Amino acid sequence: MVTIAAIIYEPGNSIKNKTGSWRTFRPILDNEKCVKCENCYIFCPEGAIQEDENGNFKINYDYCKGCLICMNECPVNAITKVREEK
């Protein structure tokens, strides 16, 4: 549930507020093309891109809003977009 003006009243409660449901485009990361430059990780405004134990990056779609900044910042075009299907 989102509060009025999306104000967060308690520290740490943003974890409960998943934001990926209003996405129009879904970024798709191709780990075969990824050079692990971390640009997607650095520029994601939602912190929705995480690094796994093998050094690969993955997108947490519960929090990805589909802004596609990650796609625009990727120097090797390892991230593409597809229209989100509901």
N, C-alpha and C. Protein backbone atom coordinates (compact mmCIF):
# COMPACT_ATOMS: atom_id res chain seq x y z
N MET A 1 0.84 -1.18 0.00
CA MET A 1 0.00 0.00 0.00
C MET A 1 0.89 1.24 0.00
N VAL A 2 0.55 2.20 -0.84
CA VAL A 2 1.31 3.43 -0.94
C VAL A 2 0.58 4.51 -0.15
N THR A 3 1.34 5.25 0.65
CA THR A 3 0.76 6.34 1.45
C THR A 3 0.54 7.57 0.57
N ILE A 4 -0.15 8.56 1.10
CA ILE A 4 -0.35 9.81 0.38
C ILE A 4 1.01 10.42 0.08
N ALA A 5 1.23 10.81 -1.16
CA ALA A 5 2.49 11.38 -1.65
C ALA A 5 3.65 10.40 -1.50
N ALA A 6 3.36 9.12 -1.34
CA ALA A 6 4.37 8.07 -1.21
C ALA A 6 5.38 8.37 -0.10
N ILE A 7 4.92 8.98 0.95
CA ILE A 7 5.78 9.31 2.08
C ILE A 7 6.06 8.04 2.88
N ILE A 8 7.32 7.85 3.23
CA ILE A 8 7.72 6.71 4.04
C ILE A 8 7.86 7.18 5.47
N TYR A 9 7.04 6.65 6.34
CA TYR A 9 7.01 7.10 7.72
C TYR A 9 7.97 6.34 8.63
N GLU A 10 8.24 5.07 8.30
CA GLU A 10 9.11 4.28 9.16
C GLU A 10 10.36 3.86 8.38
N PRO A 11 11.53 3.94 8.97
CA PRO A 11 12.75 3.51 8.28
C PRO A 11 12.65 2.03 7.91
N GLY A 12 13.08 1.72 6.71
CA GLY A 12 13.12 0.32 6.28
C GLY A 12 11.82 -0.23 5.74
N ASN A 13 10.76 0.53 5.76
CA ASN A 13 9.49 -0.03 5.29
C ASN A 13 9.34 0.02 3.77
N SER A 14 10.29 0.64 3.08
CA SER A 14 10.19 0.68 1.62
C SER A 14 10.33 -0.71 1.02
N ILE A 15 10.89 -1.64 1.74
CA ILE A 15 11.03 -3.02 1.26
C ILE A 15 9.66 -3.62 1.00
N LYS A 16 8.66 -3.21 1.75
CA LYS A 16 7.31 -3.72 1.59
C LYS A 16 6.63 -3.15 0.36
N ASN A 17 7.09 -1.99 -0.10
CA ASN A 17 6.42 -1.30 -1.20
C ASN A 17 7.08 -1.63 -2.53
N LYS A 18 6.65 -2.71 -3.12
CA LYS A 18 7.20 -3.12 -4.40
C LYS A 18 6.69 -2.16 -5.48
N THR A 19 7.61 -1.73 -6.36
CA THR A 19 7.27 -0.69 -7.33
C THR A 19 7.26 -1.20 -8.76
N GLY A 20 7.53 -2.46 -8.98
CA GLY A 20 7.64 -2.97 -10.33
C GLY A 20 6.33 -3.18 -11.05
N SER A 21 5.21 -2.97 -10.42
CA SER A 21 3.93 -3.28 -11.05
C SER A 21 3.48 -2.21 -12.04
N TRP A 22 4.11 -1.04 -12.09
CA TRP A 22 3.68 0.00 -13.00
C TRP A 22 4.61 0.16 -14.18
N ARG A 23 5.38 -0.83 -14.44
CA ARG A 23 6.37 -0.79 -15.50
C ARG A 23 5.70 -1.01 -16.87
N THR A 24 6.13 -0.24 -17.89
CA THR A 24 5.65 -0.44 -19.26
C THR A 24 6.62 -1.32 -20.04
N PHE A 25 7.93 -1.10 -19.81
CA PHE A 25 8.95 -1.90 -20.47
C PHE A 25 9.78 -2.63 -19.42
N ARG A 26 10.16 -3.85 -19.75
CA ARG A 26 10.96 -4.68 -18.85
C ARG A 26 12.37 -4.80 -19.44
N PRO A 27 13.40 -4.37 -18.71
CA PRO A 27 14.77 -4.56 -19.22
C PRO A 27 15.17 -6.03 -19.08
N ILE A 28 15.84 -6.53 -20.10
CA ILE A 28 16.31 -7.91 -20.10
C ILE A 28 17.83 -7.88 -20.21
N LEU A 29 18.49 -8.46 -19.24
CA LEU A 29 19.96 -8.47 -19.20
C LEU A 29 20.50 -9.78 -19.76
N ASP A 30 21.38 -9.66 -20.74
CA ASP A 30 22.04 -10.83 -21.35
C ASP A 30 23.41 -10.96 -20.70
N ASN A 31 23.56 -11.91 -19.79
CA ASN A 31 24.83 -12.07 -19.07
C ASN A 31 25.96 -12.55 -19.98
N GLU A 32 25.64 -13.10 -21.15
CA GLU A 32 26.69 -13.51 -22.09
C GLU A 32 27.38 -12.28 -22.69
N LYS A 33 26.63 -11.21 -22.90
CA LYS A 33 27.20 -9.97 -23.45
C LYS A 33 27.78 -9.06 -22.38
N CYS A 34 27.34 -9.21 -21.15
CA CYS A 34 27.72 -8.32 -20.06
C CYS A 34 29.23 -8.39 -19.79
N VAL A 35 29.87 -7.23 -19.68
CA VAL A 35 31.31 -7.15 -19.38
C VAL A 35 31.55 -6.78 -17.91
N LYS A 36 30.48 -6.78 -17.12
CA LYS A 36 30.56 -6.51 -15.68
C LYS A 36 31.18 -5.16 -15.34
N CYS A 37 30.82 -4.15 -16.11
CA CYS A 37 31.33 -2.80 -15.89
C CYS A 37 30.61 -2.12 -14.71
N GLU A 38 29.48 -2.66 -14.31
CA GLU A 38 28.68 -2.16 -13.19
C GLU A 38 27.92 -0.88 -13.48
N ASN A 39 27.93 -0.40 -14.70
CA ASN A 39 27.18 0.83 -15.02
C ASN A 39 25.70 0.67 -14.69
N CYS A 40 25.11 -0.45 -15.04
CA CYS A 40 23.68 -0.65 -14.76
C CYS A 40 23.44 -0.61 -13.25
N TYR A 41 24.30 -1.24 -12.51
CA TYR A 41 24.20 -1.27 -11.05
C TYR A 41 24.35 0.13 -10.46
N ILE A 42 25.29 0.90 -10.97
CA ILE A 42 25.57 2.24 -10.45
C ILE A 42 24.45 3.21 -10.78
N PHE A 43 23.94 3.15 -12.00
CA PHE A 43 22.97 4.16 -12.44
C PHE A 43 21.52 3.81 -12.13
N CYS A 44 21.21 2.60 -11.72
CA CYS A 44 19.82 2.24 -11.41
C CYS A 44 19.34 3.09 -10.23
N PRO A 45 18.33 3.94 -10.45
CA PRO A 45 17.88 4.83 -9.37
C PRO A 45 17.13 4.10 -8.26
N GLU A 46 16.70 2.88 -8.52
CA GLU A 46 15.93 2.13 -7.52
C GLU A 46 16.74 1.06 -6.81
N GLY A 47 17.98 0.87 -7.22
CA GLY A 47 18.78 -0.21 -6.61
C GLY A 47 18.21 -1.57 -6.94
N ALA A 48 17.57 -1.68 -8.10
CA ALA A 48 16.91 -2.93 -8.48
C ALA A 48 17.86 -3.92 -9.15
N ILE A 49 19.09 -3.50 -9.42
CA ILE A 49 20.06 -4.40 -10.04
C ILE A 49 21.04 -4.84 -8.96
N GLN A 50 21.19 -6.15 -8.86
CA GLN A 50 22.03 -6.71 -7.81
C GLN A 50 23.05 -7.65 -8.42
N GLU A 51 24.17 -7.79 -7.73
CA GLU A 51 25.23 -8.69 -8.17
C GLU A 51 25.11 -9.99 -7.40
N ASP A 52 25.19 -11.12 -8.10
CA ASP A 52 25.10 -12.39 -7.40
C ASP A 52 26.49 -12.89 -6.99
N GLU A 53 26.56 -14.05 -6.40
CA GLU A 53 27.81 -14.58 -5.86
C GLU A 53 28.83 -14.90 -6.95
N ASN A 54 28.39 -15.03 -8.20
CA ASN A 54 29.28 -15.32 -9.33
C ASN A 54 29.74 -14.05 -10.05
N GLY A 55 29.33 -12.89 -9.57
CA GLY A 55 29.70 -11.63 -10.21
C GLY A 55 28.79 -11.22 -11.34
N ASN A 56 27.73 -11.99 -11.56
CA ASN A 56 26.75 -11.63 -12.59
C ASN A 56 25.72 -10.69 -11.98
N PHE A 57 25.15 -9.87 -12.83
CA PHE A 57 24.13 -8.94 -12.37
C PHE A 57 22.75 -9.47 -12.73
N LYS A 58 21.79 -9.18 -11.89
CA LYS A 58 20.41 -9.58 -12.16
C LYS A 58 19.49 -8.45 -11.74
N ILE A 59 18.34 -8.41 -12.38
CA ILE A 59 17.38 -7.34 -12.14
C ILE A 59 16.27 -7.86 -11.25
N ASN A 60 16.01 -7.15 -10.17
CA ASN A 60 14.91 -7.51 -9.29
C ASN A 60 13.66 -6.80 -9.80
N TYR A 61 12.80 -7.55 -10.47
CA TYR A 61 11.63 -6.96 -11.11
C TYR A 61 10.55 -6.53 -10.12
N ASP A 62 10.68 -6.89 -8.87
CA ASP A 62 9.74 -6.38 -7.86
C ASP A 62 9.94 -4.88 -7.64
N TYR A 63 11.16 -4.39 -7.91
CA TYR A 63 11.46 -2.98 -7.65
C TYR A 63 11.86 -2.20 -8.90
N CYS A 64 12.06 -2.86 -10.03
CA CYS A 64 12.41 -2.19 -11.28
C CYS A 64 11.17 -1.48 -11.83
N LYS A 65 11.30 -0.16 -12.06
CA LYS A 65 10.19 0.63 -12.59
C LYS A 65 10.21 0.68 -14.12
N GLY A 66 11.25 0.13 -14.73
CA GLY A 66 11.33 0.12 -16.19
C GLY A 66 11.75 1.46 -16.77
N CYS A 67 12.55 2.22 -16.05
CA CYS A 67 13.00 3.53 -16.56
C CYS A 67 14.00 3.37 -17.70
N LEU A 68 14.65 2.20 -17.76
CA LEU A 68 15.61 1.85 -18.82
C LEU A 68 16.88 2.67 -18.80
N ILE A 69 17.17 3.33 -17.69
CA ILE A 69 18.47 4.00 -17.55
C ILE A 69 19.59 2.97 -17.67
N CYS A 70 19.38 1.80 -17.12
CA CYS A 70 20.39 0.73 -17.20
C CYS A 70 20.69 0.39 -18.66
N MET A 71 19.66 0.31 -19.47
CA MET A 71 19.84 -0.01 -20.89
C MET A 71 20.62 1.10 -21.59
N ASN A 72 20.31 2.34 -21.27
CA ASN A 72 20.99 3.46 -21.91
C ASN A 72 22.44 3.59 -21.47
N GLU A 73 22.77 3.14 -20.27
CA GLU A 73 24.14 3.26 -19.75
C GLU A 73 25.02 2.08 -20.09
N CYS A 74 24.45 0.99 -20.56
CA CYS A 74 25.23 -0.22 -20.86
C CYS A 74 26.09 0.02 -22.11
N PRO A 75 27.43 -0.08 -21.99
CA PRO A 75 28.30 0.22 -23.13
C PRO A 75 28.33 -0.88 -24.19
N VAL A 76 27.85 -2.08 -23.86
CA VAL A 76 27.93 -3.19 -24.83
C VAL A 76 26.54 -3.67 -25.25
N ASN A 77 25.51 -2.91 -24.95
CA ASN A 77 24.13 -3.25 -25.33
C ASN A 77 23.71 -4.64 -24.84
N ALA A 78 24.09 -4.95 -23.61
CA ALA A 78 23.71 -6.23 -23.03
C ALA A 78 22.30 -6.20 -22.45
N ILE A 79 21.69 -5.02 -22.41
CA ILE A 79 20.34 -4.90 -21.87
C ILE A 79 19.41 -4.43 -22.99
N THR A 80 18.37 -5.18 -23.18
CA THR A 80 17.34 -4.82 -24.17
C THR A 80 16.02 -4.65 -23.43
N LYS A 81 15.00 -4.22 -24.14
CA LYS A 81 13.70 -4.03 -23.49
C LYS A 81 12.64 -4.83 -24.23
N VAL A 82 11.66 -5.25 -23.48
CA VAL A 82 10.46 -5.87 -24.04
C VAL A 82 9.27 -5.20 -23.37
N ARG A 83 8.15 -5.15 -24.07
CA ARG A 83 6.95 -4.57 -23.49
C ARG A 83 6.45 -5.49 -22.37
N GLU A 84 6.11 -4.89 -21.27
CA GLU A 84 5.62 -5.66 -20.12
C GLU A 84 4.23 -6.20 -20.43
N GLU A 85 4.02 -7.46 -20.14
CA GLU A 85 2.71 -8.07 -20.32
C GLU A 85 2.09 -8.27 -18.96
N LYS A 86 0.87 -7.88 -18.83
CA LYS A 86 0.17 -8.02 -17.54
C LYS A 86 -0.67 -9.26 -17.53
